[in-house]
C-alpha cells in the first residue's frame, strides 16, 4: 500500500513541478530569508552593534531566518494546499482519476505527503542559502565587534528546521479539510486565511479584556503554533503582526500535543468526508 502511495506522490510531483506556483512560493521564501540576513548585515554596518553581529552570522542567522520564513510560509502553504487538493475538483477530473483504480485514501494521502515533503525541501533550501549568505556577510563584516556575544548553538539549526516543518503541518490539515469540505480551492484558501486572521485578532482582543480567555487561547491553533516556534527561544524572529505576544503562551509539550490533535482530527475529518462523498459529476 505504501509503495502505491509513494508512486502516486511521485506522479503528483511530476504534475506540480510543471506549474509556476511552487517555484514562485519558494522564491518568496528565499527573498524573505535573504532580506533578513542582509538587512541585519546593513544594520550592523550602520550601528556597529555587538548584538546585531550574531543576527547575520552562523549559526544564529538560520533560526531567525527560518522563523520569519515560517510567518510567510503559513500563507503560502495555505494557497499551495488548496491548489493541490482543489485542482481536480476545478477541472472535474477527480471521478475519472478514481475510476482508474486509485483508492480514495491513497489519493488523498499522496497529495498530503507531497505537501509535507515540499515544506521540508523548501526549508532545507532556505537554510542552505541562508548559510551561504551568512558566510559571505561575515567575510564582508570582518571580525566580530568587541563585546559581541551569541547564545546561538549549531544544535539550534536542526531544531529550528524541525520546528518550522512541524509548525506548518497543521495548516496543511486545516486547508485540506476546508478544501475537501467545500470542493473548491478558492473557498479552501479563503476560509483558512480568514480563520488565521480572525483567530489572531479575536485572541488579541479577548486576552486584554477577559482573564478566563487565556485558558481558551491555550488550545487555539495559531497560539500553539507560535508557542511551538518560540519554545526555548523567546528571542526568535517570528511574525507577531497579528495576535502579538499577548498573554502567557503554553509550553512546548502542550503545544506539540495540541497541534498533533489538530493534524489528526482535521486530517481524519477530511478523509472521512472524501471517502463518503458522492463524486458524481466531479
C-alpha atoms as a PDB file:
ATOM      1  CA  UNK A   1       0.000   0.000   0.000  1.00  0.00           C
ATOM      2  CA  UNK A   2       2.743   2.478   0.913  1.00  0.00           C
ATOM      3  CA  UNK A   3       4.534   1.715  -2.348  1.00  0.00           C
ATOM      4  CA  UNK A   4       1.336   2.668  -4.181  1.00  0.00           C
ATOM      5  CA  UNK A   5       1.078   5.912  -2.195  1.00  0.00           C
ATOM      6  CA  UNK A   6       4.712   6.743  -2.960  1.00  0.00           C
ATOM      7  CA  UNK A   7       4.120   6.133  -6.676  1.00  0.00           C
ATOM      8  CA  UNK A   8       1.120   8.439  -6.554  1.00  0.00           C
ATOM      9  CA  UNK A   9       3.201  11.036  -4.707  1.00  0.00           C
ATOM     10  CA  UNK A  10       5.852  10.936  -7.427  1.00  0.00           C
ATOM     11  CA  UNK A  11       3.153  11.357 -10.060  1.00  0.00           C
ATOM     12  CA  UNK A  12       1.678  14.313  -8.171  1.00  0.00           C
ATOM     13  CA  UNK A  13       5.129  15.918  -8.055  1.00  0.00           C
ATOM     14  CA  UNK A  14       5.569  15.316 -11.783  1.00  0.00           C
ATOM     15  CA  UNK A  15       2.365  17.309 -12.391  1.00  0.00           C
ATOM     16  CA  UNK A  16       3.086  20.031  -9.831  1.00  0.00           C
ATOM     17  CA  UNK A  17       6.654  20.789 -10.853  1.00  0.00           C
ATOM     18  CA  UNK A  18       5.437  21.955 -14.260  1.00  0.00           C
ATOM     19  CA  UNK A  19       3.414  24.724 -12.634  1.00  0.00           C
ATOM     20  CA  UNK A  20       4.752  28.136 -11.662  1.00  0.00           C
ATOM     21  CA  UNK A  21       3.070  28.243  -8.251  1.00  0.00           C
ATOM     22  CA  UNK A  22       5.518  26.150  -6.132  1.00  0.00           C
ATOM     23  CA  UNK A  23       8.556  27.860  -7.649  1.00  0.00           C
ATOM     24  CA  UNK A  24       7.163  31.350  -7.076  1.00  0.00           C
ATOM     25  CA  UNK A  25       6.423  30.428  -3.470  1.00  0.00           C
ATOM     26  CA  UNK A  26       9.939  29.080  -2.957  1.00  0.00           C
ATOM     27  CA  UNK A  27      11.334  32.304  -4.410  1.00  0.00           C
ATOM     28  CA  UNK A  28       9.271  34.363  -1.944  1.00  0.00           C
ATOM     29  CA  UNK A  29      10.583  32.319   0.982  1.00  0.00           C
ATOM     30  CA  UNK A  30      14.145  32.831  -0.232  1.00  0.00           C
ATOM     31  CA  UNK A  31      13.591  36.575  -0.610  1.00  0.00           C
ATOM     32  CA  UNK A  32      12.339  36.830   2.994  1.00  0.00           C
ATOM     33  CA  UNK A  33      15.257  34.826   4.400  1.00  0.00           C
ATOM     34  CA  UNK A  34      17.842  36.729   2.357  1.00  0.00           C
ATOM     35  CA  UNK A  35      16.272  40.056   3.302  1.00  0.00           C
ATOM     36  CA  UNK A  36      16.703  39.140   6.962  1.00  0.00           C
ATOM     37  CA  UNK A  37      20.378  38.197   6.599  1.00  0.00           C
ATOM     38  CA  UNK A  38      21.364  41.200   4.514  1.00  0.00           C
ATOM     39  CA  UNK A  39      19.100  43.570   6.429  1.00  0.00           C
ATOM     40  CA  UNK A  40      20.847  42.517   9.637  1.00  0.00           C
ATOM     41  CA  UNK A  41      24.211  42.986   7.924  1.00  0.00           C
ATOM     42  CA  UNK A  42      23.285  46.515   6.797  1.00  0.00           C
ATOM     43  CA  UNK A  43      22.015  47.372  10.274  1.00  0.00           C
ATOM     44  CA  UNK A  44      25.272  46.158  11.787  1.00  0.00           C
ATOM     45  CA  UNK A  45      27.306  48.298   9.385  1.00  0.00           C
ATOM     46  CA  UNK A  46      25.357  51.420  10.285  1.00  0.00           C
ATOM     47  CA  UNK A  47      25.309  50.911  14.049  1.00  0.00           C
ATOM     48  CA  UNK A  48      28.289  48.621  14.734  1.00  0.00           C
ATOM     49  CA  UNK A  49      26.101  46.931  17.308  1.00  0.00           C
ATOM     50  CA  UNK A  50      27.670  43.983  19.070  1.00  0.00           C
ATOM     51  CA  UNK A  51      24.229  42.396  19.432  1.00  0.00           C
ATOM     52  CA  UNK A  52      23.415  42.634  15.697  1.00  0.00           C
ATOM     53  CA  UNK A  53      26.501  40.717  14.576  1.00  0.00           C
ATOM     54  CA  UNK A  54      25.088  37.321  15.516  1.00  0.00           C
ATOM     55  CA  UNK A  55      21.892  38.017  13.545  1.00  0.00           C
ATOM     56  CA  UNK A  56      23.626  37.640  10.175  1.00  0.00           C
ATOM     57  CA  UNK A  57      26.427  35.210  11.080  1.00  0.00           C
ATOM     58  CA  UNK A  58      26.274  31.481  11.664  1.00  0.00           C
ATOM     59  CA  UNK A  59      24.695  29.771  13.425  1.00  0.00           C
ATOM     60  CA  UNK A  60      22.335  32.417  14.831  1.00  0.00           C
ATOM     61  CA  UNK A  61      21.183  33.703  11.451  1.00  0.00           C
ATOM     62  CA  UNK A  62      19.488  30.460  10.399  1.00  0.00           C
ATOM     63  CA  UNK A  63      16.925  30.000  13.237  1.00  0.00           C
ATOM     64  CA  UNK A  64      15.835  33.630  12.914  1.00  0.00           C
ATOM     65  CA  UNK A  65      15.613  33.434   9.117  1.00  0.00           C
ATOM     66  CA  UNK A  66      13.542  30.263   9.416  1.00  0.00           C
ATOM     67  CA  UNK A  67      11.304  31.944  11.989  1.00  0.00           C
ATOM     68  CA  UNK A  68      10.462  34.763   9.597  1.00  0.00           C
ATOM     69  CA  UNK A  69      10.055  32.353   6.682  1.00  0.00           C
ATOM     70  CA  UNK A  70       7.566  30.404   8.776  1.00  0.00           C
ATOM     71  CA  UNK A  71       5.416  33.546   9.058  1.00  0.00           C
ATOM     72  CA  UNK A  72       5.062  33.936   5.300  1.00  0.00           C
ATOM     73  CA  UNK A  73       5.132  30.156   4.877  1.00  0.00           C
ATOM     74  CA  UNK A  74       1.718  29.875   6.550  1.00  0.00           C
ATOM     75  CA  UNK A  75       0.108  31.965   3.814  1.00  0.00           C
ATOM     76  CA  UNK A  76       1.994  30.165   1.064  1.00  0.00           C
ATOM     77  CA  UNK A  77       1.240  26.647   2.294  1.00  0.00           C
ATOM     78  CA  UNK A  78      -2.460  27.520   2.601  1.00  0.00           C
ATOM     79  CA  UNK A  79      -2.529  28.631  -1.038  1.00  0.00           C
ATOM     80  CA  UNK A  80      -0.484  25.657  -2.243  1.00  0.00           C
ATOM     81  CA  UNK A  81      -2.516  23.102  -0.273  1.00  0.00           C
ATOM     82  CA  UNK A  82      -5.813  24.419  -1.590  1.00  0.00           C
ATOM     83  CA  UNK A  83      -4.418  24.415  -5.122  1.00  0.00           C
ATOM     84  CA  UNK A  84      -3.042  20.861  -4.924  1.00  0.00           C
ATOM     85  CA  UNK A  85      -6.191  19.411  -3.353  1.00  0.00           C
ATOM     86  CA  UNK A  86      -8.705  21.508  -5.266  1.00  0.00           C
ATOM     87  CA  UNK A  87      -7.317  21.271  -8.795  1.00  0.00           C
ATOM     88  CA  UNK A  88      -9.117  18.043  -9.660  1.00  0.00           C
ATOM     89  CA  UNK A  89     -12.400  19.494  -8.374  1.00  0.00           C
ATOM     90  CA  UNK A  90     -11.923  22.570 -10.551  1.00  0.00           C
ATOM     91  CA  UNK A  91     -11.020  20.562 -13.632  1.00  0.00           C
ATOM     92  CA  UNK A  92     -13.770  17.992 -12.917  1.00  0.00           C
ATOM     93  CA  UNK A  93     -11.314  15.137 -13.413  1.00  0.00           C
ATOM     94  CA  UNK A  94     -11.484  13.618  -9.934  1.00  0.00           C
ATOM     95  CA  UNK A  95     -14.074  10.965 -10.770  1.00  0.00           C
ATOM     96  CA  UNK A  96     -12.151   9.737 -13.814  1.00  0.00           C
ATOM     97  CA  UNK A  97      -8.915   9.516 -11.793  1.00  0.00           C
ATOM     98  CA  UNK A  98     -10.530   7.411  -9.069  1.00  0.00           C
ATOM     99  CA  UNK A  99     -12.305   5.269 -11.670  1.00  0.00           C
ATOM    100  CA  UNK A 100      -8.901   4.057 -12.899  1.00  0.00           C
ATOM    101  CA  UNK A 101      -8.395   2.207  -9.615  1.00  0.00           C
ATOM    102  CA  UNK A 102      -6.789   4.845  -7.434  1.00  0.00           C
ATOM    103  CA  UNK A 103      -8.090   4.358  -3.908  1.00  0.00           C
ATOM    104  CA  UNK A 104      -9.583   7.397  -2.240  1.00  0.00           C
ATOM    105  CA  UNK A 105      -7.415   7.374   0.852  1.00  0.00           C
ATOM    106  CA  UNK A 106      -4.299   6.642  -1.216  1.00  0.00           C
ATOM    107  CA  UNK A 107      -5.134   9.551  -3.499  1.00  0.00           C
ATOM    108  CA  UNK A 108      -5.600  11.970  -0.607  1.00  0.00           C
ATOM    109  CA  UNK A 109      -2.590  10.621   1.315  1.00  0.00           C
ATOM    110  CA  UNK A 110      -0.307  11.063  -1.709  1.00  0.00           C
ATOM    111  CA  UNK A 111      -1.218  14.739  -2.012  1.00  0.00           C
ATOM    112  CA  UNK A 112      -0.722  15.386   1.703  1.00  0.00           C
ATOM    113  CA  UNK A 113       2.595  13.527   1.655  1.00  0.00           C
ATOM    114  CA  UNK A 114       3.740  15.614  -1.307  1.00  0.00           C
ATOM    115  CA  UNK A 115       2.875  18.834   0.529  1.00  0.00           C
ATOM    116  CA  UNK A 116       4.711  17.725   3.683  1.00  0.00           C
ATOM    117  CA  UNK A 117       7.796  16.766   1.653  1.00  0.00           C
ATOM    118  CA  UNK A 118       7.719  20.050  -0.251  1.00  0.00           C
ATOM    119  CA  UNK A 119       7.627  22.009   3.006  1.00  0.00           C
ATOM    120  CA  UNK A 120      10.682  20.144   4.287  1.00  0.00           C
ATOM    121  CA  UNK A 121      12.552  20.569   0.999  1.00  0.00           C
ATOM    122  CA  UNK A 122      11.777  24.298   0.843  1.00  0.00           C
ATOM    123  CA  UNK A 123      13.031  24.847   4.397  1.00  0.00           C
ATOM    124  CA  UNK A 124      16.238  22.951   3.570  1.00  0.00           C
ATOM    125  CA  UNK A 125      16.835  25.172   0.532  1.00  0.00           C
ATOM    126  CA  UNK A 126      16.194  28.277   2.635  1.00  0.00           C
ATOM    127  CA  UNK A 127      18.642  27.015   5.256  1.00  0.00           C
ATOM    128  CA  UNK A 128      21.362  26.246   2.710  1.00  0.00           C
ATOM    129  CA  UNK A 129      21.176  29.642   1.006  1.00  0.00           C
ATOM    130  CA  UNK A 130      20.926  31.479   4.326  1.00  0.00           C
ATOM    131  CA  UNK A 131      24.098  29.685   5.426  1.00  0.00           C
ATOM    132  CA  UNK A 132      25.932  30.726   2.247  1.00  0.00           C
ATOM    133  CA  UNK A 133      24.778  34.328   2.618  1.00  0.00           C
ATOM    134  CA  UNK A 134      25.787  34.351   6.270  1.00  0.00           C
ATOM    135  CA  UNK A 135      29.298  33.205   5.374  1.00  0.00           C
ATOM    136  CA  UNK A 136      29.589  35.945   2.741  1.00  0.00           C
ATOM    137  CA  UNK A 137      28.199  38.605   5.088  1.00  0.00           C
ATOM    138  CA  UNK A 138      30.557  37.521   7.878  1.00  0.00           C
ATOM    139  CA  UNK A 139      33.530  37.759   5.499  1.00  0.00           C
ATOM    140  CA  UNK A 140      32.487  41.261   4.429  1.00  0.00           C
ATOM    141  CA  UNK A 141      31.897  42.388   8.016  1.00  0.00           C
ATOM    142  CA  UNK A 142      35.246  41.126   9.259  1.00  0.00           C
ATOM    143  CA  UNK A 143      35.902  40.316  12.892  1.00  0.00           C
ATOM    144  CA  UNK A 144      33.108  40.477  15.412  1.00  0.00           C
ATOM    145  CA  UNK A 145      32.788  43.778  17.310  1.00  0.00           C
ATOM    146  CA  UNK A 146      34.377  43.921  20.730  1.00  0.00           C
ATOM    147  CA  UNK A 147      31.987  42.688  23.373  1.00  0.00           C
ATOM    148  CA  UNK A 148      29.734  40.803  20.967  1.00  0.00           C
ATOM    149  CA  UNK A 149      28.393  37.500  22.154  1.00  0.00           C
ATOM    150  CA  UNK A 150      25.891  34.976  20.922  1.00  0.00           C
ATOM    151  CA  UNK A 151      23.911  32.286  22.677  1.00  0.00           C
ATOM    152  CA  UNK A 152      23.172  30.530  19.386  1.00  0.00           C
ATOM    153  CA  UNK A 153      24.388  26.944  19.024  1.00  0.00           C
ATOM    154  CA  UNK A 154      24.695  24.715  15.989  1.00  0.00           C
ATOM    155  CA  UNK A 155      22.172  22.328  17.508  1.00  0.00           C
ATOM    156  CA  UNK A 156      19.644  25.153  17.181  1.00  0.00           C
ATOM    157  CA  UNK A 157      19.763  24.810  13.381  1.00  0.00           C
ATOM    158  CA  UNK A 158      18.184  21.318  13.068  1.00  0.00           C
ATOM    159  CA  UNK A 159      15.844  22.187  15.945  1.00  0.00           C
ATOM    160  CA  UNK A 160      14.631  25.278  14.082  1.00  0.00           C
ATOM    161  CA  UNK A 161      14.224  23.200  10.912  1.00  0.00           C
ATOM    162  CA  UNK A 162      12.121  20.627  12.737  1.00  0.00           C
ATOM    163  CA  UNK A 163      10.026  23.279  14.436  1.00  0.00           C
ATOM    164  CA  UNK A 164       9.399  25.121  11.187  1.00  0.00           C
ATOM    165  CA  UNK A 165       8.383  21.928   9.364  1.00  0.00           C
ATOM    166  CA  UNK A 166       6.050  20.661  12.068  1.00  0.00           C
ATOM    167  CA  UNK A 167       4.621  24.149  12.628  1.00  0.00           C
ATOM    168  CA  UNK A 168       3.306  24.248   9.057  1.00  0.00           C
ATOM    169  CA  UNK A 169       1.672  20.814   9.049  1.00  0.00           C
ATOM    170  CA  UNK A 170      -1.477  21.932  10.956  1.00  0.00           C
ATOM    171  CA  UNK A 171      -2.190  24.488   8.233  1.00  0.00           C
ATOM    172  CA  UNK A 172      -1.947  21.767   5.596  1.00  0.00           C
ATOM    173  CA  UNK A 173      -4.545  19.811   7.592  1.00  0.00           C
ATOM    174  CA  UNK A 174      -6.724  22.889   8.136  1.00  0.00           C
ATOM    175  CA  UNK A 175      -6.733  23.938   4.478  1.00  0.00           C
ATOM    176  CA  UNK A 176      -7.101  20.349   3.307  1.00  0.00           C
ATOM    177  CA  UNK A 177     -10.217  19.927   5.434  1.00  0.00           C
ATOM    178  CA  UNK A 178     -11.880  23.108   4.171  1.00  0.00           C
ATOM    179  CA  UNK A 179     -10.923  22.362   0.560  1.00  0.00           C
ATOM    180  CA  UNK A 180     -12.452  18.881   0.733  1.00  0.00           C
ATOM    181  CA  UNK A 181     -15.474  20.238   2.610  1.00  0.00           C
ATOM    182  CA  UNK A 182     -16.197  22.937   0.024  1.00  0.00           C
ATOM    183  CA  UNK A 183     -14.742  21.073  -3.019  1.00  0.00           C
ATOM    184  CA  UNK A 184     -13.160  24.377  -4.004  1.00  0.00           C
ATOM    185  CA  UNK A 185      -9.575  25.598  -3.868  1.00  0.00           C
ATOM    186  CA  UNK A 186     -10.707  29.241  -3.705  1.00  0.00           C
ATOM    187  CA  UNK A 187     -13.066  28.578  -0.787  1.00  0.00           C
ATOM    188  CA  UNK A 188     -10.472  26.440   0.990  1.00  0.00           C
ATOM    189  CA  UNK A 189      -7.916  29.243   0.726  1.00  0.00           C
ATOM    190  CA  UNK A 190     -10.338  31.970   1.769  1.00  0.00           C
ATOM    191  CA  UNK A 191     -11.781  30.160   4.797  1.00  0.00           C
ATOM    192  CA  UNK A 192      -8.347  29.093   6.065  1.00  0.00           C
ATOM    193  CA  UNK A 193      -6.897  32.599   5.786  1.00  0.00           C
ATOM    194  CA  UNK A 194      -9.994  34.168   7.360  1.00  0.00           C
ATOM    195  CA  UNK A 195      -9.644  31.728  10.242  1.00  0.00           C
ATOM    196  CA  UNK A 196      -5.951  32.621  10.634  1.00  0.00           C
ATOM    197  CA  UNK A 197      -6.647  36.355  10.807  1.00  0.00           C
ATOM    198  CA  UNK A 198      -9.832  36.053  12.863  1.00  0.00           C
ATOM    199  CA  UNK A 199      -8.238  33.825  15.483  1.00  0.00           C
ATOM    200  CA  UNK A 200      -5.283  36.181  15.906  1.00  0.00           C
ATOM    201  CA  UNK A 201      -7.418  39.316  16.171  1.00  0.00           C
ATOM    202  CA  UNK A 202     -10.010  37.776  18.495  1.00  0.00           C
ATOM    203  CA  UNK A 203      -7.314  36.321  20.741  1.00  0.00           C
ATOM    204  CA  UNK A 204      -5.550  39.686  20.969  1.00  0.00           C
ATOM    205  CA  UNK A 205      -8.793  41.473  21.923  1.00  0.00           C
ATOM    206  CA  UNK A 206     -10.191  38.897  24.325  1.00  0.00           C
ATOM    207  CA  UNK A 207      -6.908  38.323  26.142  1.00  0.00           C
ATOM    208  CA  UNK A 208      -6.821  42.011  27.015  1.00  0.00           C
ATOM    209  CA  UNK A 209     -10.425  42.002  28.242  1.00  0.00           C
ATOM    210  CA  UNK A 210     -11.135  38.619  29.838  1.00  0.00           C
ATOM    211  CA  UNK A 211      -8.696  36.770  32.069  1.00  0.00           C
ATOM    212  CA  UNK A 212     -10.572  33.487  31.622  1.00  0.00           C
ATOM    213  CA  UNK A 213      -9.952  33.564  27.869  1.00  0.00           C
ATOM    214  CA  UNK A 214      -6.314  32.629  28.404  1.00  0.00           C
ATOM    215  CA  UNK A 215      -7.451  29.043  29.088  1.00  0.00           C
ATOM    216  CA  UNK A 216      -9.372  29.004  25.808  1.00  0.00           C
ATOM    217  CA  UNK A 217      -6.478  30.624  23.937  1.00  0.00           C
ATOM    218  CA  UNK A 218      -4.108  27.890  25.069  1.00  0.00           C
ATOM    219  CA  UNK A 219      -5.974  25.480  22.762  1.00  0.00           C
ATOM    220  CA  UNK A 220      -6.221  27.700  19.688  1.00  0.00           C
ATOM    221  CA  UNK A 221      -4.280  26.644  16.619  1.00  0.00           C
ATOM    222  CA  UNK A 222      -2.324  29.827  15.969  1.00  0.00           C
ATOM    223  CA  UNK A 223      -1.391  30.372  19.611  1.00  0.00           C
ATOM    224  CA  UNK A 224       0.027  26.874  19.859  1.00  0.00           C
ATOM    225  CA  UNK A 225       1.952  27.239  16.608  1.00  0.00           C
ATOM    226  CA  UNK A 226       3.560  30.422  17.968  1.00  0.00           C
ATOM    227  CA  UNK A 227       4.256  28.717  21.298  1.00  0.00           C
ATOM    228  CA  UNK A 228       5.843  25.796  19.455  1.00  0.00           C
ATOM    229  CA  UNK A 229       8.015  28.015  17.262  1.00  0.00           C
ATOM    230  CA  UNK A 230       9.288  30.139  20.166  1.00  0.00           C
ATOM    231  CA  UNK A 231       9.651  27.374  22.752  1.00  0.00           C
ATOM    232  CA  UNK A 232      13.126  27.564  24.238  1.00  0.00           C
ATOM    233  CA  UNK A 233      13.933  30.768  22.348  1.00  0.00           C
ATOM    234  CA  UNK A 234      11.799  33.791  23.173  1.00  0.00           C
ATOM    235  CA  UNK A 235      14.068  35.971  21.044  1.00  0.00           C
ATOM    236  CA  UNK A 236      13.385  34.094  17.792  1.00  0.00           C
ATOM    237  CA  UNK A 237      12.222  36.328  14.969  1.00  0.00           C
ATOM    238  CA  UNK A 238       8.631  35.186  14.357  1.00  0.00           C
ATOM    239  CA  UNK A 239       5.752  37.009  12.714  1.00  0.00           C
ATOM    240  CA  UNK A 240       3.750  38.662  15.509  1.00  0.00           C
ATOM    241  CA  UNK A 241       1.926  41.173  13.315  1.00  0.00           C
ATOM    242  CA  UNK A 242      -1.410  39.580  14.092  1.00  0.00           C
ATOM    243  CA  UNK A 243      -2.117  38.419  17.614  1.00  0.00           C
ATOM    244  CA  UNK A 244       1.150  39.621  19.086  1.00  0.00           C
ATOM    245  CA  UNK A 245       2.629  38.303  22.295  1.00  0.00           C
ATOM    246  CA  UNK A 246      -0.466  38.879  24.393  1.00  0.00           C
ATOM    247  CA  UNK A 247      -0.970  36.685  27.422  1.00  0.00           C
ATOM    248  CA  UNK A 248       1.011  33.663  28.507  1.00  0.00           C
ATOM    249  CA  UNK A 249       1.823  31.045  25.907  1.00  0.00           C
ATOM    250  CA  UNK A 250       1.639  27.295  26.674  1.00  0.00           C
ATOM    251  CA  UNK A 251       4.760  25.166  26.946  1.00  0.00           C
ATOM    252  CA  UNK A 252       6.396  23.182  24.163  1.00  0.00           C
ATOM    253  CA  UNK A 253       4.894  19.798  25.131  1.00  0.00           C
ATOM    254  CA  UNK A 254       1.402  21.270  25.433  1.00  0.00           C
ATOM    255  CA  UNK A 255       1.768  22.966  22.038  1.00  0.00           C
ATOM    256  CA  UNK A 256       3.064  19.785  20.397  1.00  0.00           C
ATOM    257  CA  UNK A 257       0.185  17.667  21.702  1.00  0.00           C
ATOM    258  CA  UNK A 258      -2.456  20.239  20.768  1.00  0.00           C
ATOM    259  CA  UNK A 259      -1.034  20.589  17.255  1.00  0.00           C
ATOM    260  CA  UNK A 260      -0.962  16.806  16.852  1.00  0.00           C
ATOM    261  CA  UNK A 261      -4.658  16.715  17.773  1.00  0.00           C
ATOM    262  CA  UNK A 262      -5.400  19.388  15.163  1.00  0.00           C
ATOM    263  CA  UNK A 263      -3.427  17.491  12.498  1.00  0.00           C
ATOM    264  CA  UNK A 264      -5.041  14.125  13.227  1.00  0.00           C
ATOM    265  CA  UNK A 265      -8.568  15.488  13.757  1.00  0.00           C
ATOM    266  CA  UNK A 266      -8.658  17.718  10.677  1.00  0.00           C
ATOM    267  CA  UNK A 267      -6.888  15.114   8.545  1.00  0.00           C
ATOM    268  CA  UNK A 268      -9.255  12.405   9.727  1.00  0.00           C
ATOM    269  CA  UNK A 269     -12.327  14.539   9.043  1.00  0.00           C
ATOM    270  CA  UNK A 270     -11.070  15.387   5.559  1.00  0.00           C
ATOM    271  CA  UNK A 271     -10.500  11.708   4.784  1.00  0.00           C
ATOM    272  CA  UNK A 272     -13.912  10.746   6.192  1.00  0.00           C
ATOM    273  CA  UNK A 273     -15.649  13.353   4.038  1.00  0.00           C
ATOM    274  CA  UNK A 274     -13.663  12.428   0.952  1.00  0.00           C
ATOM    275  CA  UNK A 275     -14.440   8.711   1.272  1.00  0.00           C
ATOM    276  CA  UNK A 276     -18.166   9.215   1.871  1.00  0.00           C
ATOM    277  CA  UNK A 277     -18.871  11.927  -0.683  1.00  0.00           C
ATOM    278  CA  UNK A 278     -20.678  11.136  -3.912  1.00  0.00           C
ATOM    279  CA  UNK A 279     -18.384  12.297  -6.722  1.00  0.00           C
ATOM    280  CA  UNK A 280     -20.989  12.170  -9.448  1.00  0.00           C
ATOM    281  CA  UNK A 281     -20.206  14.998 -11.828  1.00  0.00           C
ATOM    282  CA  UNK A 282     -16.932  15.804 -10.082  1.00  0.00           C
END
